[in-house]
N, C-alpha and C. Protein backbone atom coordinates (compact mmCIF):
# COMPACT_ATOMS: atom_id res chain seq x y z
N MET A 1 31.28 6.56 34.23
CA MET A 1 29.94 6.20 34.55
C MET A 1 29.42 6.85 33.00
N GLU A 2 28.20 6.48 33.08
CA GLU A 2 27.32 6.43 32.04
C GLU A 2 25.76 6.91 32.53
N THR A 3 24.92 7.65 32.32
CA THR A 3 23.35 7.84 32.19
C THR A 3 23.12 8.00 30.99
N PHE A 4 22.02 7.00 31.29
CA PHE A 4 20.65 6.53 30.00
C PHE A 4 20.00 6.37 30.40
N ALA A 5 18.74 7.20 29.64
CA ALA A 5 17.04 7.19 30.18
C ALA A 5 16.15 6.02 28.92
N GLY A 6 15.10 5.76 29.72
CA GLY A 6 15.06 4.76 28.87
C GLY A 6 13.28 4.40 29.49
N GLY A 7 12.53 3.87 29.24
CA GLY A 7 11.00 3.87 30.02
C GLY A 7 10.36 2.44 28.94
N CYS A 8 8.80 2.52 29.03
CA CYS A 8 8.15 1.42 28.43
C CYS A 8 7.73 1.92 27.14
N HIS A 9 6.57 1.05 26.50
CA HIS A 9 6.27 1.50 25.04
C HIS A 9 5.64 2.64 24.97
N CYS A 10 4.45 2.60 26.03
CA CYS A 10 3.68 4.16 26.09
C CYS A 10 4.53 5.27 26.50
N GLY A 11 5.11 5.07 26.80
CA GLY A 11 6.11 6.35 27.83
C GLY A 11 5.75 7.43 29.01
N ARG A 12 4.74 6.49 29.67
CA ARG A 12 3.70 6.72 31.08
C ARG A 12 5.18 6.47 32.03
N VAL A 13 6.11 4.88 32.16
CA VAL A 13 6.92 5.22 32.94
C VAL A 13 8.04 5.35 32.55
N ARG A 14 9.46 6.55 32.87
CA ARG A 14 10.42 6.95 32.99
C ARG A 14 11.68 6.95 33.58
N PHE A 15 12.31 6.37 32.87
CA PHE A 15 13.67 6.60 34.12
C PHE A 15 14.70 6.70 33.96
N GLU A 16 15.98 7.08 34.60
CA GLU A 16 17.29 6.83 34.13
C GLU A 16 18.25 5.72 35.26
N VAL A 17 19.22 5.72 34.50
CA VAL A 17 20.30 4.39 35.31
C VAL A 17 21.51 5.08 34.70
N ASP A 18 22.61 4.80 36.27
CA ASP A 18 23.51 5.82 35.80
C ASP A 18 24.53 3.57 35.27
N VAL A 19 25.49 3.58 34.85
CA VAL A 19 26.03 2.14 34.07
C VAL A 19 27.39 2.56 34.49
N ALA A 20 27.86 1.68 35.57
CA ALA A 20 29.66 2.02 34.74
C ALA A 20 30.31 0.66 34.16
N GLU A 21 29.65 -0.35 33.73
CA GLU A 21 30.50 -1.16 32.56
C GLU A 21 28.95 -1.72 32.11
N ARG A 22 29.18 -1.59 30.84
CA ARG A 22 28.36 -1.99 29.45
C ARG A 22 28.24 -3.42 29.38
N THR A 23 27.68 -4.49 30.60
CA THR A 23 27.48 -5.64 30.35
C THR A 23 25.79 -5.87 31.05
N ALA A 24 25.14 -6.84 29.69
CA ALA A 24 24.17 -7.43 31.08
C ALA A 24 24.24 -8.66 30.35
N LEU A 25 22.72 -9.47 30.88
CA LEU A 25 22.93 -10.73 31.13
C LEU A 25 21.46 -11.30 30.78
N GLU A 26 21.53 -12.42 29.94
CA GLU A 26 20.85 -12.85 29.20
C GLU A 26 20.04 -14.33 29.70
N CYS A 27 19.10 -14.33 30.69
CA CYS A 27 18.45 -15.30 31.49
C CYS A 27 17.68 -15.67 30.63
N ASN A 28 17.27 -17.67 31.02
CA ASN A 28 16.95 -18.48 30.23
C ASN A 28 15.49 -19.06 31.02
N CYS A 29 15.10 -18.53 31.81
CA CYS A 29 14.76 -19.34 32.99
C CYS A 29 12.77 -18.61 32.08
N SER A 30 12.37 -19.22 32.76
CA SER A 30 10.72 -18.90 32.08
C SER A 30 10.30 -18.14 31.81
N ILE A 31 10.62 -17.03 33.02
CA ILE A 31 10.07 -15.53 32.52
C ILE A 31 10.86 -14.84 31.74
N CYS A 32 11.82 -14.81 32.39
CA CYS A 32 12.88 -13.70 31.23
C CYS A 32 13.02 -14.20 30.04
N PHE A 33 13.02 -15.93 29.81
CA PHE A 33 12.99 -15.93 27.88
C PHE A 33 11.49 -15.69 27.36
N LYS A 34 10.32 -15.86 28.01
CA LYS A 34 9.37 -15.72 27.13
C LYS A 34 9.67 -14.13 27.14
N LYS A 35 10.05 -13.03 27.83
CA LYS A 35 9.60 -12.06 27.93
C LYS A 35 10.56 -11.52 26.99
N GLY A 36 11.86 -12.18 26.30
CA GLY A 36 13.00 -11.38 25.93
C GLY A 36 13.86 -10.23 27.00
N PHE A 37 13.83 -10.65 28.33
CA PHE A 37 14.42 -9.30 28.96
C PHE A 37 15.85 -9.77 29.10
N LEU A 38 16.69 -8.57 28.83
CA LEU A 38 18.16 -8.42 29.16
C LEU A 38 18.75 -7.64 29.92
N HIS A 39 19.11 -8.17 31.29
CA HIS A 39 19.57 -8.02 32.32
C HIS A 39 20.50 -6.72 32.50
N LEU A 40 20.19 -5.81 32.90
CA LEU A 40 21.21 -4.86 33.18
C LEU A 40 20.79 -4.34 34.72
N ILE A 41 22.12 -4.70 35.92
CA ILE A 41 21.48 -5.02 37.11
C ILE A 41 22.43 -3.78 37.83
N VAL A 42 21.81 -2.83 38.37
CA VAL A 42 22.47 -1.98 38.91
C VAL A 42 22.03 -1.83 40.81
N THR A 43 22.66 -1.09 41.59
CA THR A 43 22.44 -0.73 42.74
C THR A 43 21.32 0.19 42.31
N ARG A 44 20.32 0.43 43.72
CA ARG A 44 19.25 0.98 43.78
C ARG A 44 19.40 2.14 43.47
N ASP A 45 20.74 3.11 44.45
CA ASP A 45 21.16 4.67 43.98
C ASP A 45 21.99 4.66 42.86
N ARG A 46 21.55 3.81 41.95
CA ARG A 46 22.31 4.02 40.30
C ARG A 46 20.55 4.26 38.93
N PHE A 47 19.97 3.97 39.57
CA PHE A 47 17.99 3.88 39.17
C PHE A 47 17.51 5.26 39.75
N ARG A 48 16.80 5.83 38.84
CA ARG A 48 15.63 6.94 39.61
C ARG A 48 14.58 5.89 38.41
N LEU A 49 13.42 6.68 39.16
CA LEU A 49 12.18 6.33 38.71
C LEU A 49 11.84 7.65 38.42
N GLN A 50 11.98 8.06 36.95
CA GLN A 50 11.03 9.80 36.56
C GLN A 50 9.65 10.05 36.31
N GLN A 51 8.94 9.19 35.78
CA GLN A 51 7.42 9.08 36.01
C GLN A 51 6.90 7.66 36.10
N GLY A 52 5.60 7.87 36.07
CA GLY A 52 4.90 6.01 36.13
C GLY A 52 4.95 5.50 37.44
N ALA A 53 4.97 5.76 38.38
CA ALA A 53 5.24 5.16 39.19
C ALA A 53 3.68 4.53 39.76
N GLY A 54 2.71 5.44 39.67
CA GLY A 54 1.37 4.83 39.88
C GLY A 54 0.82 4.32 38.91
N VAL A 55 1.74 4.07 37.46
CA VAL A 55 0.81 3.16 36.81
C VAL A 55 1.79 1.70 36.64
N LEU A 56 2.21 1.51 37.16
CA LEU A 56 3.00 0.16 37.47
C LEU A 56 1.98 -1.00 38.49
N SER A 57 2.42 -2.22 38.08
CA SER A 57 1.40 -3.66 38.29
C SER A 57 2.81 -4.16 38.74
N THR A 58 2.95 -5.46 39.68
CA THR A 58 3.84 -6.00 40.09
C THR A 58 3.30 -7.47 40.08
N TYR A 59 4.01 -8.44 39.53
CA TYR A 59 3.67 -9.96 39.53
C TYR A 59 4.85 -10.44 40.62
N ARG A 60 4.56 -11.41 41.11
CA ARG A 60 4.98 -12.08 42.07
C ARG A 60 4.94 -14.03 41.64
N PHE A 61 5.95 -14.67 41.76
CA PHE A 61 5.94 -16.17 41.64
C PHE A 61 6.44 -16.96 42.36
N ASN A 62 6.40 -18.23 42.65
CA ASN A 62 7.63 -19.01 42.78
C ASN A 62 8.24 -18.26 44.02
N THR A 63 9.20 -17.81 44.86
CA THR A 63 9.56 -17.46 46.67
C THR A 63 8.96 -16.16 46.65
N GLY A 64 8.32 -15.18 45.33
CA GLY A 64 8.12 -13.92 45.80
C GLY A 64 8.72 -12.90 45.80
N VAL A 65 10.30 -13.47 46.57
CA VAL A 65 11.29 -12.52 46.34
C VAL A 65 11.77 -11.12 45.16
N ALA A 66 11.43 -11.52 43.75
CA ALA A 66 11.50 -10.61 43.01
C ALA A 66 10.02 -10.08 42.58
N ARG A 67 9.69 -8.55 42.85
CA ARG A 67 9.22 -8.37 41.89
C ARG A 67 8.96 -7.37 40.89
N HIS A 68 8.49 -8.61 39.78
CA HIS A 68 8.05 -7.74 38.58
C HIS A 68 6.99 -6.47 38.89
N THR A 69 7.65 -5.60 37.97
CA THR A 69 6.91 -4.35 37.86
C THR A 69 7.11 -4.25 36.20
N PHE A 70 5.39 -3.72 36.21
CA PHE A 70 5.35 -3.66 34.32
C PHE A 70 4.34 -2.68 34.73
N CYS A 71 3.92 -1.87 32.73
CA CYS A 71 3.03 -0.68 32.99
C CYS A 71 1.82 -1.00 33.15
N ARG A 72 0.81 -1.08 33.73
CA ARG A 72 -0.21 -1.80 33.20
C ARG A 72 -1.19 -1.29 32.06
N HIS A 73 -0.36 0.11 31.72
CA HIS A 73 -1.72 0.04 30.02
C HIS A 73 -0.91 -0.64 28.86
N CYS A 74 0.80 -0.39 28.72
CA CYS A 74 1.08 -1.04 27.52
C CYS A 74 1.57 -2.52 28.26
N GLY A 75 1.78 -3.21 29.46
CA GLY A 75 2.21 -4.33 29.71
C GLY A 75 4.25 -3.98 29.81
N VAL A 76 4.30 -3.38 29.09
CA VAL A 76 6.00 -3.37 29.27
C VAL A 76 6.68 -3.52 30.66
N GLN A 77 7.46 -4.48 30.35
CA GLN A 77 8.48 -4.40 32.20
C GLN A 77 9.72 -3.67 31.85
N ALA A 78 9.45 -2.47 31.96
CA ALA A 78 11.42 -1.73 31.78
C ALA A 78 12.37 -2.10 32.69
N PHE A 79 11.90 -2.44 33.93
CA PHE A 79 12.69 -2.69 35.13
C PHE A 79 11.73 -3.44 36.12
N TYR A 80 12.68 -4.31 37.56
CA TYR A 80 12.13 -4.77 38.53
C TYR A 80 13.14 -4.71 39.20
N THR A 81 12.27 -5.75 40.35
CA THR A 81 13.60 -6.14 41.29
C THR A 81 13.62 -7.39 41.43
N PRO A 82 15.24 -7.50 41.05
CA PRO A 82 15.28 -9.65 40.91
C PRO A 82 15.71 -10.10 42.20
N ARG A 83 15.45 -11.23 42.17
CA ARG A 83 15.60 -12.02 43.41
C ARG A 83 16.96 -12.26 43.48
N SER A 84 17.88 -12.30 42.71
CA SER A 84 19.36 -12.54 42.71
C SER A 84 19.34 -11.25 43.49
N HIS A 85 19.26 -9.95 42.79
CA HIS A 85 19.84 -8.43 44.14
C HIS A 85 18.64 -7.88 44.19
N PRO A 86 17.96 -8.64 45.79
CA PRO A 86 16.52 -7.84 45.86
C PRO A 86 16.73 -6.33 46.53
N ASP A 87 18.17 -6.08 46.57
CA ASP A 87 18.38 -4.26 47.05
C ASP A 87 18.70 -3.27 46.13
N GLY A 88 18.41 -4.34 44.43
CA GLY A 88 19.11 -3.34 43.00
C GLY A 88 17.96 -3.38 42.55
N VAL A 89 18.27 -3.31 41.56
CA VAL A 89 17.20 -2.99 40.18
C VAL A 89 17.66 -3.50 38.94
N SER A 90 16.95 -4.21 37.83
CA SER A 90 17.21 -4.88 37.40
C SER A 90 16.62 -4.21 35.70
N VAL A 91 17.36 -3.63 35.16
CA VAL A 91 16.35 -2.41 33.86
C VAL A 91 16.82 -3.45 32.84
N ASN A 92 15.41 -3.71 31.91
CA ASN A 92 15.33 -4.28 30.83
C ASN A 92 16.11 -3.20 29.79
N LEU A 93 16.96 -3.57 29.17
CA LEU A 93 18.72 -3.22 28.16
C LEU A 93 17.66 -2.61 26.93
N ARG A 94 16.51 -3.61 26.68
CA ARG A 94 16.02 -3.06 25.30
C ARG A 94 14.69 -2.03 25.48
N CYS A 95 14.97 -1.28 27.23
CA CYS A 95 14.40 -0.50 27.13
C CYS A 95 14.74 1.13 27.32
N LEU A 96 15.84 0.57 26.81
CA LEU A 96 16.90 2.27 26.88
C LEU A 96 16.97 3.10 25.75
N ASP A 97 16.67 4.02 25.71
CA ASP A 97 15.94 4.90 24.38
C ASP A 97 17.20 4.68 23.39
N ASP A 98 18.50 4.84 23.80
CA ASP A 98 19.41 4.77 22.82
C ASP A 98 19.80 3.58 22.20
N ARG A 99 19.44 2.83 21.01
CA ARG A 99 19.59 1.80 20.46
C ARG A 99 21.12 2.08 20.20
N ALA A 100 21.95 2.98 19.47
CA ALA A 100 23.08 2.26 19.28
C ALA A 100 23.84 2.22 20.73
N ALA A 101 23.84 2.78 22.00
CA ALA A 101 24.14 2.25 22.72
C ALA A 101 23.99 0.85 23.53
N ILE A 102 22.65 0.69 23.07
CA ILE A 102 22.28 -1.14 23.77
C ILE A 102 23.33 -2.02 22.59
N ALA A 103 23.87 -1.45 21.21
CA ALA A 103 24.40 -2.36 20.31
C ALA A 103 25.64 -2.67 21.09
N ALA A 104 26.51 -1.60 22.35
CA ALA A 104 27.73 -1.45 22.29
C ALA A 104 27.89 -2.23 24.05
N PHE A 105 26.73 -2.68 24.14
CA PHE A 105 26.81 -3.47 25.33
C PHE A 105 27.32 -5.13 25.32
N ALA A 106 28.06 -5.73 26.21
CA ALA A 106 28.31 -6.97 26.57
C ALA A 106 27.23 -8.02 26.28
N ILE A 107 26.39 -8.97 26.03
CA ILE A 107 25.53 -9.74 26.66
C ILE A 107 26.09 -10.90 26.82
N GLU A 108 25.64 -11.61 28.34
CA GLU A 108 26.66 -12.54 28.75
C GLU A 108 25.45 -13.64 29.44
N PRO A 109 26.00 -14.69 28.48
CA PRO A 109 24.57 -15.44 29.52
C PRO A 109 24.37 -16.07 30.81
N PHE A 110 23.44 -16.49 31.06
CA PHE A 110 23.14 -16.55 32.77
C PHE A 110 21.84 -17.57 32.35
N ASP A 111 22.19 -19.05 33.53
CA ASP A 111 21.88 -19.93 33.34
C ASP A 111 20.63 -19.93 34.08
N GLY A 112 19.56 -19.60 34.09
CA GLY A 112 18.74 -19.22 34.88
C GLY A 112 17.88 -20.65 35.31
N GLN A 113 17.94 -21.58 34.58
CA GLN A 113 17.24 -22.51 34.52
C GLN A 113 17.47 -22.93 35.76
N ALA A 114 18.88 -22.74 35.97
CA ALA A 114 19.48 -23.49 37.22
C ALA A 114 19.88 -22.62 38.19
N TRP A 115 18.76 -21.90 38.26
CA TRP A 115 19.42 -19.89 39.18
C TRP A 115 19.88 -20.76 40.59
N GLU A 116 19.73 -21.68 40.99
CA GLU A 116 20.55 -22.18 42.89
C GLU A 116 21.43 -22.18 42.51
N ALA A 117 22.49 -23.04 41.37
CA ALA A 117 23.43 -23.66 40.97
C ALA A 117 24.31 -22.43 40.80
N SER A 118 24.01 -21.06 39.78
CA SER A 118 24.17 -20.12 39.13
C SER A 118 24.39 -18.48 39.47
N VAL A 119 23.87 -18.66 40.51
CA VAL A 119 23.24 -17.07 40.99
C VAL A 119 24.68 -16.35 41.63
N ASP A 120 25.61 -17.23 42.50
CA ASP A 120 26.37 -16.99 43.14
C ASP A 120 27.28 -15.98 41.96
N ALA A 121 27.72 -16.58 40.89
CA ALA A 121 28.16 -15.99 39.85
C ALA A 121 28.38 -14.85 39.64
N ILE A 122 27.18 -14.21 39.78
CA ILE A 122 26.75 -12.50 39.52
C ILE A 122 26.24 -11.74 40.59
N ARG A 123 26.41 -12.53 41.90
CA ARG A 123 26.71 -11.64 43.03
C ARG A 123 27.50 -11.03 43.94
């Protein structure tokens, strides 16, 4: 298990995440594609928000299950609660502090455009 720190662009939101496997998903759904989000999905107990709870805003769409949280100051979505894992957290791999560590992650494609047919493979 490795622990990584990260946060939003302005630094108001900070977190730590415990990672067991260096694998992330690149989703091609409409919102993930536009944001460039790389999903590092962990259980809630492996994610710790260190600061910034008071500056987070939430965006929901479609089914409303996913809670897309972002810093209301800089607009960066460092993490959110995904529809695929509503009891977990998806950390944006690009928001980890250690760029060298990010390069060591395997990035696997996820077909979010066909979400219903694809989601069972990642649960």
